[in-house]
Amino acid sequence: VAEGRGIETYVHPACDLFAQYHLVKSRTVYGYDDVRLVEERTTW
């Protein structure tokens, strides 16, 4: 909404906005396998 009104926005890379999030199905076992709730694949 801000950008549509001509307001400039800046989102620092430490924010988790404007990224694609998707579910992953696996056969890993909780507590035994290295399962990360959030897997970071962005460049920073």
ModelCIF file with pLDDT and N, C-alpha, C, O atoms, coordinates in Angstrom:
data_MODEL
#
_entry.id   MODEL 
#
_entity.id                         1 
_entity.type                       polymer 
_entity.pdbx_number_of_molecules   1 
#
_entity_poly.entity_id                      1 
_entity_poly.type                           'polypeptide(L)' 
_entity_poly.nstd_linkage                   no 
_entity_poly.nstd_monomer                   no 
_entity_poly.pdbx_seq_one_letter_code       VAEGRGIETYVHPACDLFAQYHLVKSRTVYGYDDVRLVEERTTW 
_entity_poly.pdbx_seq_one_letter_code_can   VAEGRGIETYVHPACDLFAQYHLVKSRTVYGYDDVRLVEERTTW 
_entity_poly.pdbx_strand_id                 A 
#
loop_
_entity_poly_seq.entity_id 
_entity_poly_seq.num 
_entity_poly_seq.mon_id 
_entity_poly_seq.hetero 
1 1  VAL n 
1 2  ALA n 
1 3  GLU n 
1 4  GLY n 
1 5  ARG n 
1 6  GLY n 
1 7  ILE n 
1 8  GLU n 
1 9  THR n 
1 10 TYR n 
1 11 VAL n 
1 12 HIS n 
1 13 PRO n 
1 14 ALA n 
1 15 CYS n 
1 16 ASP n 
1 17 LEU n 
1 18 PHE n 
1 19 ALA n 
1 20 GLN n 
1 21 TYR n 
1 22 HIS n 
1 23 LEU n 
1 24 VAL n 
1 25 LYS n 
1 26 SER n 
1 27 ARG n 
1 28 THR n 
1 29 VAL n 
1 30 TYR n 
1 31 GLY n 
1 32 TYR n 
1 33 ASP n 
1 34 ASP n 
1 35 VAL n 
1 36 ARG n 
1 37 LEU n 
1 38 VAL n 
1 39 GLU n 
1 40 GLU n 
1 41 ARG n 
1 42 THR n 
1 43 THR n 
1 44 TRP n 
#
_struct_asym.id          A 
_struct_asym.entity_id   1 
#
loop_
_ma_qa_metric.id 
_ma_qa_metric.mode 
_ma_qa_metric.name 
_ma_qa_metric.software_group_id 
_ma_qa_metric.type 
1 global pLDDT . pLDDT 
2 local  pLDDT . pLDDT 
#
_ma_qa_metric_global.metric_id      1 
_ma_qa_metric_global.metric_value   86.77 
_ma_qa_metric_global.model_id       1 
_ma_qa_metric_global.ordinal_id     1 
#
loop_
_ma_qa_metric_local.label_asym_id 
_ma_qa_metric_local.label_comp_id 
_ma_qa_metric_local.label_seq_id 
_ma_qa_metric_local.metric_id 
_ma_qa_metric_local.metric_value 
_ma_qa_metric_local.model_id 
_ma_qa_metric_local.ordinal_id 
A VAL 1  2 98.00 1 1  
A ALA 2  2 98.00 1 2  
A GLU 3  2 98.00 1 3  
A GLY 4  2 98.00 1 4  
A ARG 5  2 98.00 1 5  
A GLY 6  2 98.00 1 6  
A ILE 7  2 98.00 1 7  
A GLU 8  2 98.00 1 8  
A THR 9  2 98.00 1 9  
A TYR 10 2 97.00 1 10 
A VAL 11 2 96.00 1 11 
A HIS 12 2 93.00 1 12 
A PRO 13 2 88.00 1 13 
A ALA 14 2 83.00 1 14 
A CYS 15 2 92.00 1 15 
A ASP 16 2 91.00 1 16 
A LEU 17 2 94.00 1 17 
A PHE 18 2 93.00 1 18 
A ALA 19 2 88.00 1 19 
A GLN 20 2 87.00 1 20 
A TYR 21 2 84.00 1 21 
A HIS 22 2 83.00 1 22 
A LEU 23 2 82.00 1 23 
A VAL 24 2 84.00 1 24 
A LYS 25 2 87.00 1 25 
A SER 26 2 89.00 1 26 
A ARG 27 2 92.00 1 27 
A THR 28 2 89.00 1 28 
A VAL 29 2 88.00 1 29 
A TYR 30 2 83.00 1 30 
A GLY 31 2 85.00 1 31 
A TYR 32 2 87.00 1 32 
A ASP 33 2 89.00 1 33 
A ASP 34 2 87.00 1 34 
A VAL 35 2 82.00 1 35 
A ARG 36 2 78.00 1 36 
A LEU 37 2 74.00 1 37 
A VAL 38 2 73.00 1 38 
A GLU 39 2 75.00 1 39 
A GLU 40 2 74.00 1 40 
A ARG 41 2 76.00 1 41 
A THR 42 2 74.00 1 42 
A THR 43 2 63.00 1 43 
A TRP 44 2 56.00 1 44 
#
loop_
_atom_site.group_PDB 
_atom_site.id 
_atom_site.type_symbol 
_atom_site.label_atom_id 
_atom_site.label_alt_id 
_atom_site.label_comp_id 
_atom_site.label_asym_id 
_atom_site.label_entity_id 
_atom_site.label_seq_id 
_atom_site.pdbx_PDB_ins_code 
_atom_site.Cartn_x 
_atom_site.Cartn_y 
_atom_site.Cartn_z 
_atom_site.occupancy 
_atom_site.B_iso_or_equiv 
_atom_site.pdbx_formal_charge 
_atom_site.auth_seq_id 
_atom_site.auth_comp_id 
_atom_site.auth_asym_id 
_atom_site.auth_atom_id 
_atom_site.pdbx_PDB_model_num 
ATOM 1   N N  . VAL A 1 1  ? 0.847  -1.197  0.000  1.00 98.00 ? 1  VAL A N  1 
ATOM 2   C CA . VAL A 1 1  ? 0.000  0.000   0.000  1.00 98.00 ? 1  VAL A CA 1 
ATOM 3   C C  . VAL A 1 1  ? 0.879  1.243   0.000  1.00 98.00 ? 1  VAL A C  1 
ATOM 4   O O  . VAL A 1 1  ? 0.609  2.201   -0.724 1.00 98.00 ? 1  VAL A O  1 
ATOM 5   N N  . ALA A 1 2  ? 1.934  1.225   0.817  1.00 98.00 ? 2  ALA A N  1 
ATOM 6   C CA . ALA A 1 2  ? 2.840  2.373   0.871  1.00 98.00 ? 2  ALA A CA 1 
ATOM 7   C C  . ALA A 1 2  ? 3.481  2.621   -0.493 1.00 98.00 ? 2  ALA A C  1 
ATOM 8   O O  . ALA A 1 2  ? 3.494  3.752   -0.980 1.00 98.00 ? 2  ALA A O  1 
ATOM 9   N N  . GLU A 1 3  ? 4.012  1.564   -1.108 1.00 98.00 ? 3  GLU A N  1 
ATOM 10  C CA . GLU A 1 3  ? 4.674  1.733   -2.395 1.00 98.00 ? 3  GLU A CA 1 
ATOM 11  C C  . GLU A 1 3  ? 3.698  2.192   -3.472 1.00 98.00 ? 3  GLU A C  1 
ATOM 12  O O  . GLU A 1 3  ? 4.055  2.972   -4.354 1.00 98.00 ? 3  GLU A O  1 
ATOM 13  N N  . GLY A 1 4  ? 2.461  1.701   -3.391 1.00 98.00 ? 4  GLY A N  1 
ATOM 14  C CA . GLY A 1 4  ? 1.448  2.133   -4.348 1.00 98.00 ? 4  GLY A CA 1 
ATOM 15  C C  . GLY A 1 4  ? 1.109  3.607   -4.228 1.00 98.00 ? 4  GLY A C  1 
ATOM 16  O O  . GLY A 1 4  ? 0.600  4.213   -5.170 1.00 98.00 ? 4  GLY A O  1 
ATOM 17  N N  . ARG A 1 5  ? 1.390  4.177   -3.076 1.00 98.00 ? 5  ARG A N  1 
ATOM 18  C CA . ARG A 1 5  ? 1.151  5.606   -2.858 1.00 98.00 ? 5  ARG A CA 1 
ATOM 19  C C  . ARG A 1 5  ? 2.408  6.439   -3.073 1.00 98.00 ? 5  ARG A C  1 
ATOM 20  O O  . ARG A 1 5  ? 2.433  7.629   -2.759 1.00 98.00 ? 5  ARG A O  1 
ATOM 21  N N  . GLY A 1 6  ? 3.449  5.808   -3.609 1.00 98.00 ? 6  GLY A N  1 
ATOM 22  C CA . GLY A 1 6  ? 4.670  6.535   -3.886 1.00 98.00 ? 6  GLY A CA 1 
ATOM 23  C C  . GLY A 1 6  ? 5.598  6.676   -2.696 1.00 98.00 ? 6  GLY A C  1 
ATOM 24  O O  . GLY A 1 6  ? 6.555  7.449   -2.750 1.00 98.00 ? 6  GLY A O  1 
ATOM 25  N N  . ILE A 1 7  ? 5.335  5.943   -1.617 1.00 98.00 ? 7  ILE A N  1 
ATOM 26  C CA . ILE A 1 7  ? 6.197  5.988   -0.438 1.00 98.00 ? 7  ILE A CA 1 
ATOM 27  C C  . ILE A 1 7  ? 7.329  4.985   -0.636 1.00 98.00 ? 7  ILE A C  1 
ATOM 28  O O  . ILE A 1 7  ? 7.081  3.813   -0.919 1.00 98.00 ? 7  ILE A O  1 
ATOM 29  N N  . GLU A 1 8  ? 8.546  5.437   -0.490 1.00 98.00 ? 8  GLU A N  1 
ATOM 30  C CA . GLU A 1 8  ? 9.701  4.553   -0.628 1.00 98.00 ? 8  GLU A CA 1 
ATOM 31  C C  . GLU A 1 8  ? 9.792  3.636   0.585  1.00 98.00 ? 8  GLU A C  1 
ATOM 32  O O  . GLU A 1 8  ? 9.580  4.082   1.713  1.00 98.00 ? 8  GLU A O  1 
ATOM 33  N N  . THR A 1 9  ? 10.106 2.362   0.370  1.00 98.00 ? 9  THR A N  1 
ATOM 34  C CA . THR A 1 9  ? 10.268 1.427   1.475  1.00 98.00 ? 9  THR A CA 1 
ATOM 35  C C  . THR A 1 9  ? 11.641 0.770   1.389  1.00 98.00 ? 9  THR A C  1 
ATOM 36  O O  . THR A 1 9  ? 12.181 0.543   0.306  1.00 98.00 ? 9  THR A O  1 
ATOM 37  N N  . TYR A 1 10 ? 12.192 0.472   2.575  1.00 97.00 ? 10 TYR A N  1 
ATOM 38  C CA . TYR A 1 10 ? 13.454 -0.256  2.657  1.00 97.00 ? 10 TYR A CA 1 
ATOM 39  C C  . TYR A 1 10 ? 13.284 -1.360  3.690  1.00 97.00 ? 10 TYR A C  1 
ATOM 40  O O  . TYR A 1 10 ? 12.897 -1.100  4.829  1.00 97.00 ? 10 TYR A O  1 
ATOM 41  N N  . VAL A 1 11 ? 13.575 -2.595  3.287  1.00 96.00 ? 11 VAL A N  1 
ATOM 42  C CA . VAL A 1 11 ? 13.492 -3.754  4.175  1.00 96.00 ? 11 VAL A CA 1 
ATOM 43  C C  . VAL A 1 11 ? 14.889 -4.346  4.294  1.00 96.00 ? 11 VAL A C  1 
ATOM 44  O O  . VAL A 1 11 ? 15.427 -4.877  3.322  1.00 96.00 ? 11 VAL A O  1 
ATOM 45  N N  . HIS A 1 12 ? 15.476 -4.257  5.478  1.00 93.00 ? 12 HIS A N  1 
ATOM 46  C CA . HIS A 1 12 ? 16.827 -4.748  5.714  1.00 93.00 ? 12 HIS A CA 1 
ATOM 47  C C  . HIS A 1 12 ? 16.872 -6.269  5.530  1.00 93.00 ? 12 HIS A C  1 
ATOM 48  O O  . HIS A 1 12 ? 15.886 -6.947  5.819  1.00 93.00 ? 12 HIS A O  1 
ATOM 49  N N  . PRO A 1 13 ? 17.992 -6.813  5.056  1.00 88.00 ? 13 PRO A N  1 
ATOM 50  C CA . PRO A 1 13 ? 18.069 -8.265  4.834  1.00 88.00 ? 13 PRO A CA 1 
ATOM 51  C C  . PRO A 1 13 ? 17.836 -9.111  6.077  1.00 88.00 ? 13 PRO A C  1 
ATOM 52  O O  . PRO A 1 13 ? 17.546 -10.301 5.951  1.00 88.00 ? 13 PRO A O  1 
ATOM 53  N N  . ALA A 1 14 ? 17.952 -8.540  7.279  1.00 83.00 ? 14 ALA A N  1 
ATOM 54  C CA . ALA A 1 14 ? 17.670 -9.315  8.493  1.00 83.00 ? 14 ALA A CA 1 
ATOM 55  C C  . ALA A 1 14 ? 16.184 -9.622  8.649  1.00 83.00 ? 14 ALA A C  1 
ATOM 56  O O  . ALA A 1 14 ? 15.808 -10.455 9.474  1.00 83.00 ? 14 ALA A O  1 
ATOM 57  N N  . CYS A 1 15 ? 15.347 -8.965  7.874  1.00 92.00 ? 15 CYS A N  1 
ATOM 58  C CA . CYS A 1 15 ? 13.906 -9.237  7.923  1.00 92.00 ? 15 CYS A CA 1 
ATOM 59  C C  . CYS A 1 15 ? 13.594 -10.490 7.102  1.00 92.00 ? 15 CYS A C  1 
ATOM 60  O O  . CYS A 1 15 ? 14.339 -10.840 6.187  1.00 92.00 ? 15 CYS A O  1 
ATOM 61  N N  . ASP A 1 16 ? 12.500 -11.153 7.430  1.00 91.00 ? 16 ASP A N  1 
ATOM 62  C CA . ASP A 1 16 ? 12.113 -12.357 6.680  1.00 91.00 ? 16 ASP A CA 1 
ATOM 63  C C  . ASP A 1 16 ? 10.917 -12.087 5.764  1.00 91.00 ? 16 ASP A C  1 
ATOM 64  O O  . ASP A 1 16 ? 10.050 -12.942 5.585  1.00 91.00 ? 16 ASP A O  1 
ATOM 65  N N  . LEU A 1 17 ? 10.888 -10.900 5.196  1.00 94.00 ? 17 LEU A N  1 
ATOM 66  C CA . LEU A 1 17 ? 9.796  -10.506 4.318  1.00 94.00 ? 17 LEU A CA 1 
ATOM 67  C C  . LEU A 1 17 ? 10.169 -10.709 2.852  1.00 94.00 ? 17 LEU A C  1 
ATOM 68  O O  . LEU A 1 17 ? 11.345 -10.830 2.508  1.00 94.00 ? 17 LEU A O  1 
ATOM 69  N N  . PHE A 1 18 ? 9.152  -10.745 1.998  1.00 93.00 ? 18 PHE A N  1 
ATOM 70  C CA . PHE A 1 18 ? 9.316  -10.812 0.553  1.00 93.00 ? 18 PHE A CA 1 
ATOM 71  C C  . PHE A 1 18 ? 10.204 -11.994 0.131  1.00 93.00 ? 18 PHE A C  1 
ATOM 72  O O  . PHE A 1 18 ? 11.149 -11.837 -0.642 1.00 93.00 ? 18 PHE A O  1 
ATOM 73  N N  . ALA A 1 19 ? 9.877  -13.158 0.653  1.00 88.00 ? 19 ALA A N  1 
ATOM 74  C CA . ALA A 1 19 ? 10.564 -14.394 0.284  1.00 88.00 ? 19 ALA A CA 1 
ATOM 75  C C  . ALA A 1 19 ? 9.514  -15.476 0.095  1.00 88.00 ? 19 ALA A C  1 
ATOM 76  O O  . ALA A 1 19 ? 8.427  -15.412 0.668  1.00 88.00 ? 19 ALA A O  1 
ATOM 77  N N  . GLN A 1 20 ? 9.854  -16.477 -0.720 1.00 87.00 ? 20 GLN A N  1 
ATOM 78  C CA . GLN A 1 20 ? 8.945  -17.604 -0.905 1.00 87.00 ? 20 GLN A CA 1 
ATOM 79  C C  . GLN A 1 20 ? 9.179  -18.619 0.205  1.00 87.00 ? 20 GLN A C  1 
ATOM 80  O O  . GLN A 1 20 ? 10.312 -19.037 0.448  1.00 87.00 ? 20 GLN A O  1 
ATOM 81  N N  . TYR A 1 21 ? 8.102  -19.011 0.876  1.00 84.00 ? 21 TYR A N  1 
ATOM 82  C CA . TYR A 1 21 ? 8.160  -20.054 1.898  1.00 84.00 ? 21 TYR A CA 1 
ATOM 83  C C  . TYR A 1 21 ? 7.364  -21.251 1.389  1.00 84.00 ? 21 TYR A C  1 
ATOM 84  O O  . TYR A 1 21 ? 6.272  -21.098 0.842  1.00 84.00 ? 21 TYR A O  1 
ATOM 85  N N  . HIS A 1 22 ? 7.920  -22.430 1.574  1.00 83.00 ? 22 HIS A N  1 
ATOM 86  C CA . HIS A 1 22 ? 7.213  -23.614 1.093  1.00 83.00 ? 22 HIS A CA 1 
ATOM 87  C C  . HIS A 1 22 ? 7.469  -24.791 2.035  1.00 83.00 ? 22 HIS A C  1 
ATOM 88  O O  . HIS A 1 22 ? 8.497  -24.841 2.710  1.00 83.00 ? 22 HIS A O  1 
ATOM 89  N N  . LEU A 1 23 ? 6.532  -25.728 2.075  1.00 82.00 ? 23 LEU A N  1 
ATOM 90  C CA . LEU A 1 23 ? 6.636  -26.899 2.940  1.00 82.00 ? 23 LEU A CA 1 
ATOM 91  C C  . LEU A 1 23 ? 7.518  -27.959 2.280  1.00 82.00 ? 23 LEU A C  1 
ATOM 92  O O  . LEU A 1 23 ? 7.589  -28.053 1.054  1.00 82.00 ? 23 LEU A O  1 
ATOM 93  N N  . VAL A 1 24 ? 8.185  -28.751 3.115  1.00 84.00 ? 24 VAL A N  1 
ATOM 94  C CA . VAL A 1 24 ? 9.000  -29.862 2.633  1.00 84.00 ? 24 VAL A CA 1 
ATOM 95  C C  . VAL A 1 24 ? 8.547  -31.141 3.334  1.00 84.00 ? 24 VAL A C  1 
ATOM 96  O O  . VAL A 1 24 ? 8.497  -31.191 4.563  1.00 84.00 ? 24 VAL A O  1 
ATOM 97  N N  . LYS A 1 25 ? 8.218  -32.167 2.562  1.00 87.00 ? 25 LYS A N  1 
ATOM 98  C CA . LYS A 1 25 ? 7.854  -33.462 3.113  1.00 87.00 ? 25 LYS A CA 1 
ATOM 99  C C  . LYS A 1 25 ? 9.088  -34.353 3.140  1.00 87.00 ? 25 LYS A C  1 
ATOM 100 O O  . LYS A 1 25 ? 9.818  -34.422 2.151  1.00 87.00 ? 25 LYS A O  1 
ATOM 101 N N  . SER A 1 26 ? 9.335  -35.039 4.257  1.00 89.00 ? 26 SER A N  1 
ATOM 102 C CA . SER A 1 26 ? 10.510 -35.897 4.355  1.00 89.00 ? 26 SER A CA 1 
ATOM 103 C C  . SER A 1 26 ? 10.216 -37.101 5.241  1.00 89.00 ? 26 SER A C  1 
ATOM 104 O O  . SER A 1 26 ? 9.147  -37.192 5.844  1.00 89.00 ? 26 SER A O  1 
ATOM 105 N N  . ARG A 1 27 ? 11.173 -38.025 5.314  1.00 92.00 ? 27 ARG A N  1 
ATOM 106 C CA . ARG A 1 27 ? 11.077 -39.201 6.178  1.00 92.00 ? 27 ARG A CA 1 
ATOM 107 C C  . ARG A 1 27 ? 12.030 -39.087 7.367  1.00 92.00 ? 27 ARG A C  1 
ATOM 108 O O  . ARG A 1 27 ? 12.425 -40.099 7.946  1.00 92.00 ? 27 ARG A O  1 
ATOM 109 N N  . THR A 1 28 ? 12.392 -37.885 7.722  1.00 89.00 ? 28 THR A N  1 
ATOM 110 C CA . THR A 1 28 ? 13.292 -37.698 8.852  1.00 89.00 ? 28 THR A CA 1 
ATOM 111 C C  . THR A 1 28 ? 12.579 -38.020 10.166 1.00 89.00 ? 28 THR A C  1 
ATOM 112 O O  . THR A 1 28 ? 11.350 -38.029 10.237 1.00 89.00 ? 28 THR A O  1 
ATOM 113 N N  . VAL A 1 29 ? 13.371 -38.282 11.194 1.00 88.00 ? 29 VAL A N  1 
ATOM 114 C CA . VAL A 1 29 ? 12.848 -38.646 12.513 1.00 88.00 ? 29 VAL A CA 1 
ATOM 115 C C  . VAL A 1 29 ? 13.216 -37.553 13.506 1.00 88.00 ? 29 VAL A C  1 
ATOM 116 O O  . VAL A 1 29 ? 14.387 -37.206 13.663 1.00 88.00 ? 29 VAL A O  1 
ATOM 117 N N  . TYR A 1 30 ? 12.215 -37.026 14.161 1.00 83.00 ? 30 TYR A N  1 
ATOM 118 C CA . TYR A 1 30 ? 12.429 -35.944 15.129 1.00 83.00 ? 30 TYR A CA 1 
ATOM 119 C C  . TYR A 1 30 ? 13.385 -36.401 16.238 1.00 83.00 ? 30 TYR A C  1 
ATOM 120 O O  . TYR A 1 30 ? 13.265 -37.505 16.768 1.00 83.00 ? 30 TYR A O  1 
ATOM 121 N N  . GLY A 1 31 ? 14.322 -35.536 16.568 1.00 85.00 ? 31 GLY A N  1 
ATOM 122 C CA . GLY A 1 31 ? 15.258 -35.814 17.646 1.00 85.00 ? 31 GLY A CA 1 
ATOM 123 C C  . GLY A 1 31 ? 16.484 -36.592 17.207 1.00 85.00 ? 31 GLY A C  1 
ATOM 124 O O  . GLY A 1 31 ? 17.527 -36.514 17.857 1.00 85.00 ? 31 GLY A O  1 
ATOM 125 N N  . TYR A 1 32 ? 16.380 -37.342 16.116 1.00 87.00 ? 32 TYR A N  1 
ATOM 126 C CA . TYR A 1 32 ? 17.488 -38.157 15.626 1.00 87.00 ? 32 TYR A CA 1 
ATOM 127 C C  . TYR A 1 32 ? 18.138 -37.540 14.387 1.00 87.00 ? 32 TYR A C  1 
ATOM 128 O O  . TYR A 1 32 ? 19.361 -37.559 14.243 1.00 87.00 ? 32 TYR A O  1 
ATOM 129 N N  . ASP A 1 33 ? 17.331 -37.008 13.518 1.00 89.00 ? 33 ASP A N  1 
ATOM 130 C CA . ASP A 1 33 ? 17.851 -36.404 12.299 1.00 89.00 ? 33 ASP A CA 1 
ATOM 131 C C  . ASP A 1 33 ? 17.959 -34.888 12.463 1.00 89.00 ? 33 ASP A C  1 
ATOM 132 O O  . ASP A 1 33 ? 17.272 -34.276 13.281 1.00 89.00 ? 33 ASP A O  1 
ATOM 133 N N  . ASP A 1 34 ? 18.835 -34.313 11.664 1.00 87.00 ? 34 ASP A N  1 
ATOM 134 C CA . ASP A 1 34 ? 19.044 -32.863 11.703 1.00 87.00 ? 34 ASP A CA 1 
ATOM 135 C C  . ASP A 1 34 ? 17.935 -32.190 10.898 1.00 87.00 ? 34 ASP A C  1 
ATOM 136 O O  . ASP A 1 34 ? 18.052 -31.994 9.688  1.00 87.00 ? 34 ASP A O  1 
ATOM 137 N N  . VAL A 1 35 ? 16.863 -31.845 11.597 1.00 82.00 ? 35 VAL A N  1 
ATOM 138 C CA . VAL A 1 35 ? 15.700 -31.237 10.955 1.00 82.00 ? 35 VAL A CA 1 
ATOM 139 C C  . VAL A 1 35 ? 15.611 -29.778 11.387 1.00 82.00 ? 35 VAL A C  1 
ATOM 140 O O  . VAL A 1 35 ? 15.505 -29.483 12.578 1.00 82.00 ? 35 VAL A O  1 
ATOM 141 N N  . ARG A 1 36 ? 15.654 -28.887 10.436 1.00 78.00 ? 36 ARG A N  1 
ATOM 142 C CA . ARG A 1 36 ? 15.571 -27.467 10.739 1.00 78.00 ? 36 ARG A CA 1 
ATOM 143 C C  . ARG A 1 36 ? 14.175 -26.966 10.409 1.00 78.00 ? 36 ARG A C  1 
ATOM 144 O O  . ARG A 1 36 ? 13.659 -27.191 9.314  1.00 78.00 ? 36 ARG A O  1 
ATOM 145 N N  . LEU A 1 37 ? 13.578 -26.289 11.371 1.00 74.00 ? 37 LEU A N  1 
ATOM 146 C CA . LEU A 1 37 ? 12.224 -25.787 11.145 1.00 74.00 ? 37 LEU A CA 1 
ATOM 147 C C  . LEU A 1 37 ? 12.200 -24.737 10.051 1.00 74.00 ? 37 LEU A C  1 
ATOM 148 O O  . LEU A 1 37 ? 11.235 -24.646 9.292  1.00 74.00 ? 37 LEU A O  1 
ATOM 149 N N  . VAL A 1 38 ? 13.258 -23.942 9.967  1.00 73.00 ? 38 VAL A N  1 
ATOM 150 C CA . VAL A 1 38 ? 13.390 -22.963 8.896  1.00 73.00 ? 38 VAL A CA 1 
ATOM 151 C C  . VAL A 1 38 ? 14.742 -23.184 8.240  1.00 73.00 ? 38 VAL A C  1 
ATOM 152 O O  . VAL A 1 38 ? 15.773 -23.065 8.902  1.00 73.00 ? 38 VAL A O  1 
ATOM 153 N N  . GLU A 1 39 ? 14.759 -23.498 6.977  1.00 75.00 ? 39 GLU A N  1 
ATOM 154 C CA . GLU A 1 39 ? 15.993 -23.704 6.224  1.00 75.00 ? 39 GLU A CA 1 
ATOM 155 C C  . GLU A 1 39 ? 16.268 -22.467 5.400  1.00 75.00 ? 39 GLU A C  1 
ATOM 156 O O  . GLU A 1 39 ? 15.504 -22.122 4.499  1.00 75.00 ? 39 GLU A O  1 
ATOM 157 N N  . GLU A 1 40 ? 17.369 -21.802 5.716  1.00 74.00 ? 40 GLU A N  1 
ATOM 158 C CA . GLU A 1 40 ? 17.692 -20.534 5.069  1.00 74.00 ? 40 GLU A CA 1 
ATOM 159 C C  . GLU A 1 40 ? 18.418 -20.779 3.750  1.00 74.00 ? 40 GLU A C  1 
ATOM 160 O O  . GLU A 1 40 ? 19.514 -21.339 3.735  1.00 74.00 ? 40 GLU A O  1 
ATOM 161 N N  . ARG A 1 41 ? 17.807 -20.360 2.643  1.00 76.00 ? 41 ARG A N  1 
ATOM 162 C CA . ARG A 1 41 ? 18.420 -20.519 1.329  1.00 76.00 ? 41 ARG A CA 1 
ATOM 163 C C  . ARG A 1 41 ? 18.607 -19.189 0.608  1.00 76.00 ? 41 ARG A C  1 
ATOM 164 O O  . ARG A 1 41 ? 18.962 -19.168 -0.571 1.00 76.00 ? 41 ARG A O  1 
ATOM 165 N N  . THR A 1 42 ? 18.376 -18.098 1.295  1.00 74.00 ? 42 THR A N  1 
ATOM 166 C CA . THR A 1 42 ? 18.643 -16.807 0.668  1.00 74.00 ? 42 THR A CA 1 
ATOM 167 C C  . THR A 1 42 ? 20.134 -16.532 0.724  1.00 74.00 ? 42 THR A C  1 
ATOM 168 O O  . THR A 1 42 ? 20.874 -17.232 1.415  1.00 74.00 ? 42 THR A O  1 
ATOM 169 N N  . THR A 1 43 ? 20.579 -15.511 -0.002 1.00 63.00 ? 43 THR A N  1 
ATOM 170 C CA . THR A 1 43 ? 22.013 -15.275 -0.150 1.00 63.00 ? 43 THR A CA 1 
ATOM 171 C C  . THR A 1 43 ? 22.637 -14.660 1.087  1.00 63.00 ? 43 THR A C  1 
ATOM 172 O O  . THR A 1 43 ? 23.862 -14.638 1.208  1.00 63.00 ? 43 THR A O  1 
ATOM 173 N N  . TRP A 1 44 ? 21.823 -14.156 2.012  1.00 56.00 ? 44 TRP A N  1 
ATOM 174 C CA . TRP A 1 44 ? 22.377 -13.527 3.212  1.00 56.00 ? 44 TRP A CA 1 
ATOM 175 C C  . TRP A 1 44 ? 21.570 -13.971 4.409  1.00 56.00 ? 44 TRP A C  1 
ATOM 176 O O  . TRP A 1 44 ? 21.858 -13.564 5.534  1.00 56.00 ? 44 TRP A O  1 
#
